[in-house]
Amino acid sequence: IKRVGLTFGNIEIKRTYSDDNSYTSEVVLDFYYEDNLFDVIE
């Protein structure tokens, strides 16, 4: 990752409960090139 000039942010988990009280969690990880968002894993 470093060799191609990329960095990555912290791994985040977005947690939500819908109106019917069902639970959702999503992992999000951002990759950056020169401090600009390059790609995202979700």
PDB file of all heavy atoms in Angstrom:
ATOM      1  N   ILE A   1       0.846  -1.195   0.000  1.00  0.00           N
ATOM      2  CA  ILE A   1       0.000   0.000   0.000  1.00  0.00           C
ATOM      3  C   ILE A   1       0.884   1.249   0.000  1.00  0.00           C
ATOM      4  O   ILE A   1       0.668   2.182  -0.792  1.00  0.00           O
ATOM      5  CB  ILE A   1      -0.956  -0.015   1.215  1.00  0.00           C
ATOM      6  CG1 ILE A   1      -1.980  -1.147   1.066  1.00  0.00           C
ATOM      7  CG2 ILE A   1      -1.651   1.330   1.385  1.00  0.00           C
ATOM      8  CD1 ILE A   1      -2.773  -1.459   2.330  1.00  0.00           C
ATOM      9  N   LYS A   2       1.869   1.251   0.854  1.00  0.00           N
ATOM     10  CA  LYS A   2       2.784   2.393   0.968  1.00  0.00           C
ATOM     11  C   LYS A   2       3.588   2.590  -0.322  1.00  0.00           C
ATOM     12  O   LYS A   2       3.798   3.726  -0.763  1.00  0.00           O
ATOM     13  CB  LYS A   2       3.726   2.160   2.155  1.00  0.00           C
ATOM     14  CG  LYS A   2       4.633   3.302   2.476  1.00  0.00           C
ATOM     15  CD  LYS A   2       5.464   2.976   3.696  1.00  0.00           C
ATOM     16  CE  LYS A   2       6.473   4.076   3.975  1.00  0.00           C
ATOM     17  NZ  LYS A   2       7.297   3.749   5.146  1.00  0.00           N
ATOM     18  N   ARG A   3       4.030   1.495  -0.932  1.00  0.00           N
ATOM     19  CA  ARG A   3       4.855   1.549  -2.151  1.00  0.00           C
ATOM     20  C   ARG A   3       4.158   2.281  -3.296  1.00  0.00           C
ATOM     21  O   ARG A   3       4.808   2.914  -4.123  1.00  0.00           O
ATOM     22  CB  ARG A   3       5.230   0.137  -2.585  1.00  0.00           C
ATOM     23  CG  ARG A   3       6.437   0.051  -3.478  1.00  0.00           C
ATOM     24  CD  ARG A   3       6.915  -1.373  -3.701  1.00  0.00           C
ATOM     25  NE  ARG A   3       7.006  -2.091  -2.436  1.00  0.00           N
ATOM     26  CZ  ARG A   3       6.527  -3.312  -2.207  1.00  0.00           C
ATOM     27  NH1 ARG A   3       5.951  -3.986  -3.155  1.00  0.00           N
ATOM     28  NH2 ARG A   3       6.636  -3.885  -1.031  1.00  0.00           N
ATOM     29  N   VAL A   4       2.835   2.188  -3.365  1.00  0.00           N
ATOM     30  CA  VAL A   4       2.104   2.868  -4.438  1.00  0.00           C
ATOM     31  C   VAL A   4       1.594   4.240  -3.996  1.00  0.00           C
ATOM     32  O   VAL A   4       0.815   4.881  -4.697  1.00  0.00           O
ATOM     33  CB  VAL A   4       0.942   2.005  -4.993  1.00  0.00           C
ATOM     34  CG1 VAL A   4       1.488   0.751  -5.658  1.00  0.00           C
ATOM     35  CG2 VAL A   4      -0.084   1.685  -3.926  1.00  0.00           C
ATOM     36  N   GLY A   5       2.044   4.696  -2.834  1.00  0.00           N
ATOM     37  CA  GLY A   5       1.720   6.045  -2.370  1.00  0.00           C
ATOM     38  C   GLY A   5       0.383   6.194  -1.686  1.00  0.00           C
ATOM     39  O   GLY A   5      -0.102   7.312  -1.510  1.00  0.00           O
ATOM     40  N   LEU A   6      -0.203   5.089  -1.275  1.00  0.00           N
ATOM     41  CA  LEU A   6      -1.500   5.149  -0.609  1.00  0.00           C
ATOM     42  C   LEU A   6      -1.347   5.091   0.908  1.00  0.00           C
ATOM     43  O   LEU A   6      -0.375   4.552   1.423  1.00  0.00           O
ATOM     44  CB  LEU A   6      -2.387   3.987  -1.064  1.00  0.00           C
ATOM     45  CG  LEU A   6      -2.811   3.977  -2.524  1.00  0.00           C
ATOM     46  CD1 LEU A   6      -3.548   2.689  -2.848  1.00  0.00           C
ATOM     47  CD2 LEU A   6      -3.674   5.184  -2.856  1.00  0.00           C
ATOM     48  N   THR A   7      -2.318   5.640   1.586  1.00  0.00           N
ATOM     49  CA  THR A   7      -2.467   5.492   3.026  1.00  0.00           C
ATOM     50  C   THR A   7      -3.920   5.090   3.277  1.00  0.00           C
ATOM     51  O   THR A   7      -4.751   5.139   2.370  1.00  0.00           O
ATOM     52  CB  THR A   7      -2.155   6.802   3.786  1.00  0.00           C
ATOM     53  OG1 THR A   7      -3.030   7.842   3.313  1.00  0.00           O
ATOM     54  CG2 THR A   7      -0.706   7.227   3.583  1.00  0.00           C
ATOM     55  N   PHE A   8      -4.208   4.706   4.502  1.00  0.00           N
ATOM     56  CA  PHE A   8      -5.592   4.343   4.825  1.00  0.00           C
ATOM     57  C   PHE A   8      -5.976   4.932   6.168  1.00  0.00           C
ATOM     58  O   PHE A   8      -5.135   5.202   7.012  1.00  0.00           O
ATOM     59  CB  PHE A   8      -5.809   2.826   4.803  1.00  0.00           C
ATOM     60  CG  PHE A   8      -4.805   2.030   5.582  1.00  0.00           C
ATOM     61  CD1 PHE A   8      -4.981   1.795   6.931  1.00  0.00           C
ATOM     62  CD2 PHE A   8      -3.674   1.523   4.958  1.00  0.00           C
ATOM     63  CE1 PHE A   8      -4.057   1.060   7.644  1.00  0.00           C
ATOM     64  CE2 PHE A   8      -2.741   0.784   5.665  1.00  0.00           C
ATOM     65  CZ  PHE A   8      -2.934   0.554   7.011  1.00  0.00           C
ATOM     66  N   GLY A   9      -7.270   5.134   6.324  1.00  0.00           N
ATOM     67  CA  GLY A   9      -7.797   5.681   7.569  1.00  0.00           C
ATOM     68  C   GLY A   9      -8.090   4.583   8.566  1.00  0.00           C
ATOM     69  O   GLY A   9      -7.700   3.425   8.387  1.00  0.00           O
ATOM     70  N   ASN A  10      -8.785   4.965   9.608  1.00  0.00           N
ATOM     71  CA  ASN A  10      -9.214   3.994  10.614  1.00  0.00           C
ATOM     72  C   ASN A  10     -10.403   3.195  10.097  1.00  0.00           C
ATOM     73  O   ASN A  10     -11.219   3.699   9.333  1.00  0.00           O
ATOM     74  CB  ASN A  10      -9.621   4.703  11.911  1.00  0.00           C
ATOM     75  CG  ASN A  10      -8.449   5.361  12.583  1.00  0.00           C
ATOM     76  OD1 ASN A  10      -7.335   4.849  12.565  1.00  0.00           O
ATOM     77  ND2 ASN A  10      -8.681   6.523  13.175  1.00  0.00           N
ATOM     78  N   ILE A  11     -10.481   1.972  10.528  1.00  0.00           N
ATOM     79  CA  ILE A  11     -11.633   1.140  10.190  1.00  0.00           C
ATOM     80  C   ILE A  11     -12.806   1.628  11.040  1.00  0.00           C
ATOM     81  O   ILE A  11     -12.697   1.753  12.254  1.00  0.00           O
ATOM     82  CB  ILE A  11     -11.353  -0.343  10.487  1.00  0.00           C
ATOM     83  CG1 ILE A  11     -10.164  -0.826   9.647  1.00  0.00           C
ATOM     84  CG2 ILE A  11     -12.592  -1.184  10.227  1.00  0.00           C
ATOM     85  CD1 ILE A  11      -9.634  -2.177  10.070  1.00  0.00           C
ATOM     86  N   GLU A  12     -13.899   1.928  10.378  1.00  0.00           N
ATOM     87  CA  GLU A  12     -15.100   2.392  11.076  1.00  0.00           C
ATOM     88  C   GLU A  12     -16.210   1.360  10.939  1.00  0.00           C
ATOM     89  O   GLU A  12     -16.289   0.656   9.933  1.00  0.00           O
ATOM     90  CB  GLU A  12     -15.604   3.695  10.455  1.00  0.00           C
ATOM     91  CG  GLU A  12     -14.658   4.860  10.572  1.00  0.00           C
ATOM     92  CD  GLU A  12     -15.247   6.096   9.915  1.00  0.00           C
ATOM     93  OE1 GLU A  12     -16.414   6.435  10.216  1.00  0.00           O
ATOM     94  OE2 GLU A  12     -14.547   6.694   9.097  1.00  0.00           O
ATOM     95  N   ILE A  13     -17.047   1.303  11.943  1.00  0.00           N
ATOM     96  CA  ILE A  13     -18.279   0.522  11.833  1.00  0.00           C
ATOM     97  C   ILE A  13     -19.443   1.489  12.003  1.00  0.00           C
ATOM     98  O   ILE A  13     -19.538   2.187  13.010  1.00  0.00           O
ATOM     99  CB  ILE A  13     -18.370  -0.594  12.889  1.00  0.00           C
ATOM    100  CG1 ILE A  13     -17.300  -1.635  12.659  1.00  0.00           C
ATOM    101  CG2 ILE A  13     -19.746  -1.249  12.824  1.00  0.00           C
ATOM    102  CD1 ILE A  13     -17.415  -2.843  13.545  1.00  0.00           C
ATOM    103  N   LYS A  14     -20.288   1.537  10.991  1.00  0.00           N
ATOM    104  CA  LYS A  14     -21.502   2.346  11.057  1.00  0.00           C
ATOM    105  C   LYS A  14     -22.629   1.434  11.502  1.00  0.00           C
ATOM    106  O   LYS A  14     -22.909   0.425  10.852  1.00  0.00           O
ATOM    107  CB  LYS A  14     -21.808   2.960   9.696  1.00  0.00           C
ATOM    108  CG  LYS A  14     -20.750   3.939   9.235  1.00  0.00           C
ATOM    109  CD  LYS A  14     -21.106   4.535   7.899  1.00  0.00           C
ATOM    110  CE  LYS A  14     -20.038   5.513   7.462  1.00  0.00           C
ATOM    111  NZ  LYS A  14     -20.349   6.104   6.157  1.00  0.00           N
ATOM    112  N   ARG A  15     -23.250   1.774  12.620  1.00  0.00           N
ATOM    113  CA  ARG A  15     -24.321   0.955  13.190  1.00  0.00           C
ATOM    114  C   ARG A  15     -25.630   1.726  13.156  1.00  0.00           C
ATOM    115  O   ARG A  15     -25.665   2.897  13.537  1.00  0.00           O
ATOM    116  CB  ARG A  15     -23.979   0.589  14.626  1.00  0.00           C
ATOM    117  CG  ARG A  15     -22.745  -0.267  14.764  1.00  0.00           C
ATOM    118  CD  ARG A  15     -22.391  -0.491  16.232  1.00  0.00           C
ATOM    119  NE  ARG A  15     -21.322  -1.455  16.378  1.00  0.00           N
ATOM    120  CZ  ARG A  15     -20.058  -1.116  16.603  1.00  0.00           C
ATOM    121  NH1 ARG A  15     -19.728   0.147  16.716  1.00  0.00           N
ATOM    122  NH2 ARG A  15     -19.142  -2.054  16.717  1.00  0.00           N
ATOM    123  N   THR A  16     -26.672   1.052  12.704  1.00  0.00           N
ATOM    124  CA  THR A  16     -27.987   1.682  12.670  1.00  0.00           C
ATOM    125  C   THR A  16     -29.071   0.685  13.075  1.00  0.00           C
ATOM    126  O   THR A  16     -28.909  -0.519  12.909  1.00  0.00           O
ATOM    127  CB  THR A  16     -28.326   2.216  11.254  1.00  0.00           C
ATOM    128  OG1 THR A  16     -28.271   1.140  10.325  1.00  0.00           O
ATOM    129  CG2 THR A  16     -27.364   3.311  10.831  1.00  0.00           C
ATOM    130  N   TYR A  17     -30.145   1.235  13.616  1.00  0.00           N
ATOM    131  CA  TYR A  17     -31.367   0.469  13.864  1.00  0.00           C
ATOM    132  C   TYR A  17     -32.465   1.103  13.024  1.00  0.00           C
ATOM    133  O   TYR A  17     -32.643   2.310  13.043  1.00  0.00           O
ATOM    134  CB  TYR A  17     -31.766   0.527  15.346  1.00  0.00           C
ATOM    135  CG  TYR A  17     -30.917  -0.346  16.236  1.00  0.00           C
ATOM    136  CD1 TYR A  17     -29.795   0.161  16.875  1.00  0.00           C
ATOM    137  CD2 TYR A  17     -31.234  -1.680  16.430  1.00  0.00           C
ATOM    138  CE1 TYR A  17     -29.009  -0.651  17.685  1.00  0.00           C
ATOM    139  CE2 TYR A  17     -30.458  -2.497  17.241  1.00  0.00           C
ATOM    140  CZ  TYR A  17     -29.357  -1.966  17.859  1.00  0.00           C
ATOM    141  OH  TYR A  17     -28.592  -2.763  18.662  1.00  0.00           O
ATOM    142  N   SER A  18     -33.165   0.282  12.279  1.00  0.00           N
ATOM    143  CA  SER A  18     -34.245   0.800  11.442  1.00  0.00           C
ATOM    144  C   SER A  18     -35.515   0.963  12.278  1.00  0.00           C
ATOM    145  O   SER A  18     -35.555   0.608  13.460  1.00  0.00           O
ATOM    146  CB  SER A  18     -34.481  -0.120  10.256  1.00  0.00           C
ATOM    147  OG  SER A  18     -34.901  -1.378  10.700  1.00  0.00           O
ATOM    148  N   ASP A  19     -36.545   1.471  11.633  1.00  0.00           N
ATOM    149  CA  ASP A  19     -37.827   1.686  12.318  1.00  0.00           C
ATOM    150  C   ASP A  19     -38.401   0.405  12.895  1.00  0.00           C
ATOM    151  O   ASP A  19     -39.087   0.433  13.911  1.00  0.00           O
ATOM    152  CB  ASP A  19     -38.845   2.315  11.362  1.00  0.00           C
ATOM    153  CG  ASP A  19     -38.488   3.749  11.010  1.00  0.00           C
ATOM    154  OD1 ASP A  19     -37.718   4.387  11.778  1.00  0.00           O
ATOM    155  OD2 ASP A  19     -38.963   4.233   9.974  1.00  0.00           O
ATOM    156  N   ASP A  20     -38.133  -0.725  12.247  1.00  0.00           N
ATOM    157  CA  ASP A  20     -38.645  -1.996  12.763  1.00  0.00           C
ATOM    158  C   ASP A  20     -37.683  -2.627  13.777  1.00  0.00           C
ATOM    159  O   ASP A  20     -37.808  -3.789  14.126  1.00  0.00           O
ATOM    160  CB  ASP A  20     -38.944  -2.974  11.627  1.00  0.00           C
ATOM    161  CG  ASP A  20     -37.691  -3.408  10.880  1.00  0.00           C
ATOM    162  OD1 ASP A  20     -36.595  -2.874  11.143  1.00  0.00           O
ATOM    163  OD2 ASP A  20     -37.822  -4.288  10.004  1.00  0.00           O
ATOM    164  N   ASN A  21     -36.695  -1.826  14.239  1.00  0.00           N
ATOM    165  CA  ASN A  21     -35.722  -2.213  15.255  1.00  0.00           C
ATOM    166  C   ASN A  21     -34.748  -3.296  14.768  1.00  0.00           C
ATOM    167  O   ASN A  21     -34.173  -4.021  15.565  1.00  0.00           O
ATOM    168  CB  ASN A  21     -36.407  -2.652  16.546  1.00  0.00           C
ATOM    169  CG  ASN A  21     -35.502  -2.411  17.750  1.00  0.00           C
ATOM    170  OD1 ASN A  21     -34.664  -1.524  17.722  1.00  0.00           O
ATOM    171  ND2 ASN A  21     -35.672  -3.196  18.794  1.00  0.00           N
ATOM    172  N   SER A  22     -34.574  -3.416  13.453  1.00  0.00           N
ATOM    173  CA  SER A  22     -33.574  -4.355  12.950  1.00  0.00           C
ATOM    174  C   SER A  22     -32.220  -3.658  12.901  1.00  0.00           C
ATOM    175  O   SER A  22     -32.121  -2.454  12.681  1.00  0.00           O
ATOM    176  CB  SER A  22     -33.966  -4.913  11.581  1.00  0.00           C
ATOM    177  OG  SER A  22     -34.030  -3.891  10.630  1.00  0.00           O
ATOM    178  N   TYR A  23     -31.196  -4.430  13.135  1.00  0.00           N
ATOM    179  CA  TYR A  23     -29.839  -3.920  13.300  1.00  0.00           C
ATOM    180  C   TYR A  23     -29.033  -4.105  12.025  1.00  0.00           C
ATOM    181  O   TYR A  23     -29.094  -5.149  11.370  1.00  0.00           O
ATOM    182  CB  TYR A  23     -29.158  -4.676  14.445  1.00  0.00           C
ATOM    183  CG  TYR A  23     -27.738  -4.259  14.703  1.00  0.00           C
ATOM    184  CD1 TYR A  23     -27.453  -3.046  15.289  1.00  0.00           C
ATOM    185  CD2 TYR A  23     -26.684  -5.088  14.349  1.00  0.00           C
ATOM    186  CE1 TYR A  23     -26.155  -2.657  15.540  1.00  0.00           C
ATOM    187  CE2 TYR A  23     -25.376  -4.714  14.598  1.00  0.00           C
ATOM    188  CZ  TYR A  23     -25.113  -3.495  15.194  1.00  0.00           C
ATOM    189  OH  TYR A  23     -23.822  -3.114  15.432  1.00  0.00           O
ATOM    190  N   THR A  24     -28.268  -3.076  11.674  1.00  0.00           N
ATOM    191  CA  THR A  24     -27.358  -3.125  10.536  1.00  0.00           C
ATOM    192  C   THR A  24     -26.017  -2.563  10.963  1.00  0.00           C
ATOM    193  O   THR A  24     -25.955  -1.549  11.658  1.00  0.00           O
ATOM    194  CB  THR A  24     -27.911  -2.306   9.345  1.00  0.00           C
ATOM    195  OG1 THR A  24     -29.145  -2.888   8.924  1.00  0.00           O
ATOM    196  CG2 THR A  24     -26.943  -2.264   8.183  1.00  0.00           C
ATOM    197  N   SER A  25     -24.939  -3.245  10.567  1.00  0.00           N
ATOM    198  CA  SER A  25     -23.600  -2.717  10.798  1.00  0.00           C
ATOM    199  C   SER A  25     -22.791  -2.874   9.524  1.00  0.00           C
ATOM    200  O   SER A  25     -22.873  -3.900   8.836  1.00  0.00           O
ATOM    201  CB  SER A  25     -22.902  -3.404  11.972  1.00  0.00           C
ATOM    202  OG  SER A  25     -22.755  -4.786  11.755  1.00  0.00           O
ATOM    203  N   GLU A  26     -22.039  -1.815   9.210  1.00  0.00           N
ATOM    204  CA  GLU A  26     -21.281  -1.773   7.969  1.00  0.00           C
ATOM    205  C   GLU A  26     -19.857  -1.319   8.271  1.00  0.00           C
ATOM    206  O   GLU A  26     -19.642  -0.356   9.001  1.00  0.00           O
ATOM    207  CB  GLU A  26     -21.954  -0.788   7.007  1.00  0.00           C
ATOM    208  CG  GLU A  26     -21.268  -0.631   5.701  1.00  0.00           C
ATOM    209  CD  GLU A  26     -21.963   0.383   4.807  1.00  0.00           C
ATOM    210  OE1 GLU A  26     -22.743   1.208   5.308  1.00  0.00           O
ATOM    211  OE2 GLU A  26     -21.705   0.345   3.608  1.00  0.00           O
ATOM    212  N   VAL A  27     -18.897  -2.022   7.709  1.00  0.00           N
ATOM    213  CA  VAL A  27     -17.490  -1.648   7.849  1.00  0.00           C
ATOM    214  C   VAL A  27     -17.140  -0.689   6.724  1.00  0.00           C
ATOM    215  O   VAL A  27     -17.524  -0.898   5.571  1.00  0.00           O
ATOM    216  CB  VAL A  27     -16.575  -2.893   7.781  1.00  0.00           C
ATOM    217  CG1 VAL A  27     -15.115  -2.494   7.692  1.00  0.00           C
ATOM    218  CG2 VAL A  27     -16.809  -3.779   8.981  1.00  0.00           C
ATOM    219  N   VAL A  28     -16.402   0.367   7.077  1.00  0.00           N
ATOM    220  CA  VAL A  28     -15.958   1.353   6.097  1.00  0.00           C
ATOM    221  C   VAL A  28     -14.471   1.623   6.335  1.00  0.00           C
ATOM    222  O   VAL A  28     -14.046   1.861   7.465  1.00  0.00           O
ATOM    223  CB  VAL A  28     -16.747   2.684   6.228  1.00  0.00           C
ATOM    224  CG1 VAL A  28     -16.253   3.709   5.223  1.00  0.00           C
ATOM    225  CG2 VAL A  28     -18.241   2.444   6.078  1.00  0.00           C
ATOM    226  N   LEU A  29     -13.686   1.562   5.247  1.00  0.00           N
ATOM    227  CA  LEU A  29     -12.257   1.840   5.306  1.00  0.00           C
ATOM    228  C   LEU A  29     -11.881   2.681   4.101  1.00  0.00           C
ATOM    229  O   LEU A  29     -12.069   2.252   2.954  1.00  0.00           O
ATOM    230  CB  LEU A  29     -11.448   0.537   5.316  1.00  0.00           C
ATOM    231  CG  LEU A  29      -9.932   0.667   5.228  1.00  0.00           C
ATOM    232  CD1 LEU A  29      -9.369   1.430   6.432  1.00  0.00           C
ATOM    233  CD2 LEU A  29      -9.293  -0.697   5.105  1.00  0.00           C
ATOM    234  N   ASP A  30     -11.362   3.888   4.357  1.00  0.00           N
ATOM    235  CA  ASP A  30     -10.973   4.804   3.294  1.00  0.00           C
ATOM    236  C   ASP A  30      -9.492   4.663   2.964  1.00  0.00           C
ATOM    237  O   ASP A  30      -8.664   4.495   3.868  1.00  0.00           O
ATOM    238  CB  ASP A  30     -11.222   6.257   3.723  1.00  0.00           C
ATOM    239  CG  ASP A  30     -12.681   6.560   3.984  1.00  0.00           C
ATOM    240  OD1 ASP A  30     -13.539   5.886   3.379  1.00  0.00           O
ATOM    241  OD2 ASP A  30     -12.959   7.471   4.781  1.00  0.00           O
ATOM    242  N   PHE A  31      -9.181   4.767   1.675  1.00  0.00           N
ATOM    243  CA  PHE A  31      -7.805   4.807   1.194  1.00  0.00           C
ATOM    244  C   PHE A  31      -7.557   6.183   0.577  1.00  0.00           C
ATOM    245  O   PHE A  31      -8.436   6.716  -0.113  1.00  0.00           O
ATOM    246  CB  PHE A  31      -7.558   3.716   0.145  1.00  0.00           C
ATOM    247  CG  PHE A  31      -7.463   2.349   0.738  1.00  0.00           C
ATOM    248  CD1 PHE A  31      -8.603   1.620   1.008  1.00  0.00           C
ATOM    249  CD2 PHE A  31      -6.233   1.788   1.042  1.00  0.00           C
ATOM    250  CE1 PHE A  31      -8.518   0.353   1.564  1.00  0.00           C
ATOM    251  CE2 PHE A  31      -6.141   0.526   1.602  1.00  0.00           C
ATOM    252  CZ  PHE A  31      -7.290  -0.186   1.867  1.00  0.00           C
ATOM    253  N   TYR A  32      -6.374   6.731   0.809  1.00  0.00           N
ATOM    254  CA  TYR A  32      -6.033   8.075   0.356  1.00  0.00           C
ATOM    255  C   TYR A  32      -4.772   8.072  -0.487  1.00  0.00           C
ATOM    256  O   TYR A  32      -3.861   7.273  -0.257  1.00  0.00           O
ATOM    257  CB  TYR A  32      -5.798   8.998   1.553  1.00  0.00           C
ATOM    258  CG  TYR A  32      -6.999   9.139   2.443  1.00  0.00           C
ATOM    259  CD1 TYR A  32      -7.181   8.285   3.531  1.00  0.00           C
ATOM    260  CD2 TYR A  32      -7.957  10.104   2.192  1.00  0.00           C
ATOM    261  CE1 TYR A  32      -8.303   8.404   4.345  1.00  0.00           C
ATOM    262  CE2 TYR A  32      -9.075  10.235   3.002  1.00  0.00           C
ATOM    263  CZ  TYR A  32      -9.237   9.388   4.078  1.00  0.00           C
ATOM    264  OH  TYR A  32     -10.334   9.496   4.879  1.00  0.00           O
ATOM    265  N   TYR A  33      -4.742   8.992  -1.448  1.00  0.00           N
ATOM    266  CA  TYR A  33      -3.531   9.281  -2.200  1.00  0.00           C
ATOM    267  C   TYR A  33      -3.311  10.785  -2.099  1.00  0.00           C
ATOM    268  O   TYR A  33      -4.204  11.558  -2.464  1.00  0.00           O
ATOM    269  CB  TYR A  33      -3.666   8.854  -3.663  1.00  0.00           C
ATOM    270  CG  TYR A  33      -2.436   9.177  -4.478  1.00  0.00           C
ATOM    271  CD1 TYR A  33      -1.268   8.437  -4.305  1.00  0.00           C
ATOM    272  CD2 TYR A  33      -2.435  10.223  -5.380  1.00  0.00           C
ATOM    273  CE1 TYR A  33      -0.132   8.741  -5.025  1.00  0.00           C
ATOM    274  CE2 TYR A  33      -1.303  10.521  -6.105  1.00  0.00           C
ATOM    275  CZ  TYR A  33      -0.152   9.783  -5.920  1.00  0.00           C
ATOM    276  OH  TYR A  33       0.983  10.091  -6.629  1.00  0.00           O
ATOM    277  N   GLU A  34      -2.163  11.176  -1.571  1.00  0.00           N
ATOM    278  CA  GLU A  34      -1.843  12.596  -1.369  1.00  0.00           C
ATOM    279  C   GLU A  34      -2.981  13.327  -0.648  1.00  0.00           C
ATOM    280  O   GLU A  34      -3.443  14.367  -1.082  1.00  0.00           O
ATOM    281  CB  GLU A  34      -1.507  13.263  -2.703  1.00  0.00           C
ATOM    282  CG  GLU A  34      -0.263  12.712  -3.350  1.00  0.00           C
ATOM    283  CD  GLU A  34       0.062  13.373  -4.682  1.00  0.00           C
ATOM    284  OE1 GLU A  34      -0.787  14.117  -5.233  1.00  0.00           O
ATOM    285  OE2 GLU A  34       1.173  13.143  -5.181  1.00  0.00           O
ATOM    286  N   ASP A  35      -3.451  12.754   0.423  1.00  0.00           N
ATOM    287  CA  ASP A  35      -4.504  13.320   1.271  1.00  0.00           C
ATOM    288  C   ASP A  35      -5.865  13.456   0.604  1.00  0.00           C
ATOM    289  O   ASP A  35      -6.766  14.081   1.150  1.00  0.00           O
ATOM    290  CB  ASP A  35      -4.074  14.676   1.853  1.00  0.00           C
ATOM    291  CG  ASP A  35      -2.898  14.561   2.797  1.00  0.00           C
ATOM    292  OD1 ASP A  35      -2.795  13.527   3.493  1.00  0.00           O
ATOM    293  OD2 ASP A  35      -2.070  15.492   2.843  1.00  0.00           O
ATOM    294  N   ASN A  36      -6.021  12.900  -0.583  1.00  0.00           N
ATOM    295  CA  ASN A  36      -7.315  12.899  -1.259  1.00  0.00           C
ATOM    296  C   ASN A  36      -7.888  11.491  -1.223  1.00  0.00           C
ATOM    297  O   ASN A  36      -7.159  10.514  -1.397  1.00  0.00           O
ATOM    298  CB  ASN A  36      -7.164  13.347  -2.721  1.00  0.00           C
ATOM    299  CG  ASN A  36      -6.706  14.785  -2.819  1.00  0.00           C
ATOM    300  OD1 ASN A  36      -7.307  15.674  -2.249  1.00  0.00           O
ATOM    301  ND2 ASN A  36      -5.612  14.999  -3.536  1.00  0.00           N
ATOM    302  N   LEU A  37      -9.190  11.412  -1.047  1.00  0.00           N
ATOM    303  CA  LEU A  37      -9.848  10.115  -1.033  1.00  0.00           C
ATOM    304  C   LEU A  37      -9.615   9.422  -2.365  1.00  0.00           C
ATOM    305  O   LEU A  37      -9.873   9.986  -3.431  1.00  0.00           O
ATOM    306  CB  LEU A  37     -11.346  10.275  -0.775  1.00  0.00           C
ATOM    307  CG  LEU A  37     -12.144   8.995  -0.616  1.00  0.00           C
ATOM    308  CD1 LEU A  37     -11.666   8.191   0.597  1.00  0.00           C
ATOM    309  CD2 LEU A  37     -13.621   9.307  -0.484  1.00  0.00           C
ATOM    310  N   PHE A  38      -9.105   8.198  -2.316  1.00  0.00           N
ATOM    311  CA  PHE A  38      -8.800   7.439  -3.526  1.00  0.00           C
ATOM    312  C   PHE A  38      -9.806   6.306  -3.739  1.00  0.00           C
ATOM    313  O   PHE A  38     -10.278   6.092  -4.842  1.00  0.00           O
ATOM    314  CB  PHE A  38      -7.374   6.875  -3.443  1.00  0.00           C
ATOM    315  CG  PHE A  38      -6.950   6.109  -4.657  1.00  0.00           C
ATOM    316  CD1 PHE A  38      -6.586   6.783  -5.815  1.00  0.00           C
ATOM    317  CD2 PHE A  38      -6.939   4.729  -4.659  1.00  0.00           C
ATOM    318  CE1 PHE A  38      -6.205   6.078  -6.949  1.00  0.00           C
ATOM    319  CE2 PHE A  38      -6.556   4.013  -5.783  1.00  0.00           C
ATOM    320  CZ  PHE A  38      -6.188   4.691  -6.940  1.00  0.00           C
ATOM    321  N   ASP A  39     -10.142   5.599  -2.676  1.00  0.00           N
ATOM    322  CA  ASP A  39     -11.076   4.479  -2.782  1.00  0.00           C
ATOM    323  C   ASP A  39     -11.621   4.151  -1.394  1.00  0.00           C
ATOM    324  O   ASP A  39     -11.060   4.579  -0.385  1.00  0.00           O
ATOM    325  CB  ASP A  39     -10.378   3.248  -3.367  1.00  0.00           C
ATOM    326  CG  ASP A  39     -11.321   2.355  -4.160  1.00  0.00           C
ATOM    327  OD1 ASP A  39     -12.529   2.330  -3.841  1.00  0.00           O
ATOM    328  OD2 ASP A  39     -10.847   1.688  -5.084  1.00  0.00           O
ATOM    329  N   VAL A  40     -12.692   3.390  -1.365  1.00  0.00           N
ATOM    330  CA  VAL A  40     -13.345   3.025  -0.105  1.00  0.00           C
ATOM    331  C   VAL A  40     -13.739   1.553  -0.158  1.00  0.00           C
ATOM    332  O   VAL A  40     -14.249   1.081  -1.169  1.00  0.00           O
ATOM    333  CB  VAL A  40     -14.619   3.875   0.133  1.00  0.00           C
ATOM    334  CG1 VAL A  40     -15.307   3.468   1.427  1.00  0.00           C
ATOM    335  CG2 VAL A  40     -14.299   5.357   0.128  1.00  0.00           C
ATOM    336  N   ILE A  41     -13.477   0.861   0.932  1.00  0.00           N
ATOM    337  CA  ILE A  41     -13.994  -0.493   1.115  1.00  0.00           C
ATOM    338  C   ILE A  41     -15.197  -0.375   2.044  1.00  0.00           C
ATOM    339  O   ILE A  41     -15.109   0.244   3.102  1.00  0.00           O
ATOM    340  CB  ILE A  41     -12.947  -1.416   1.767  1.00  0.00           C
ATOM    341  CG1 ILE A  41     -11.795  -1.698   0.816  1.00  0.00           C
ATOM    342  CG2 ILE A  41     -13.590  -2.713   2.226  1.00  0.00           C
ATOM    343  CD1 ILE A  41     -10.708  -2.552   1.435  1.00  0.00           C
ATOM    344  N   GLU A  42     -16.304  -0.982   1.638  1.00  0.00           N
ATOM    345  CA  GLU A  42     -17.509  -1.009   2.467  1.00  0.00           C
ATOM    346  C   GLU A  42     -18.133  -2.393   2.360  1.00  0.00           C
ATOM    347  O   GLU A  42     -18.242  -2.933   1.259  1.00  0.00           O
ATOM    348  CB  GLU A  42     -18.533   0.009   1.979  1.00  0.00           C
ATOM    349  CG  GLU A  42     -18.084   1.448   2.061  1.00  0.00           C
ATOM    350  CD  GLU A  42     -19.114   2.390   1.476  1.00  0.00           C
ATOM    351  OE1 GLU A  42     -19.365   2.296   0.257  1.00  0.00           O
ATOM    352  OE2 GLU A  42     -19.667   3.194   2.240  1.00  0.00           O
TER     353      GLU A  42
END
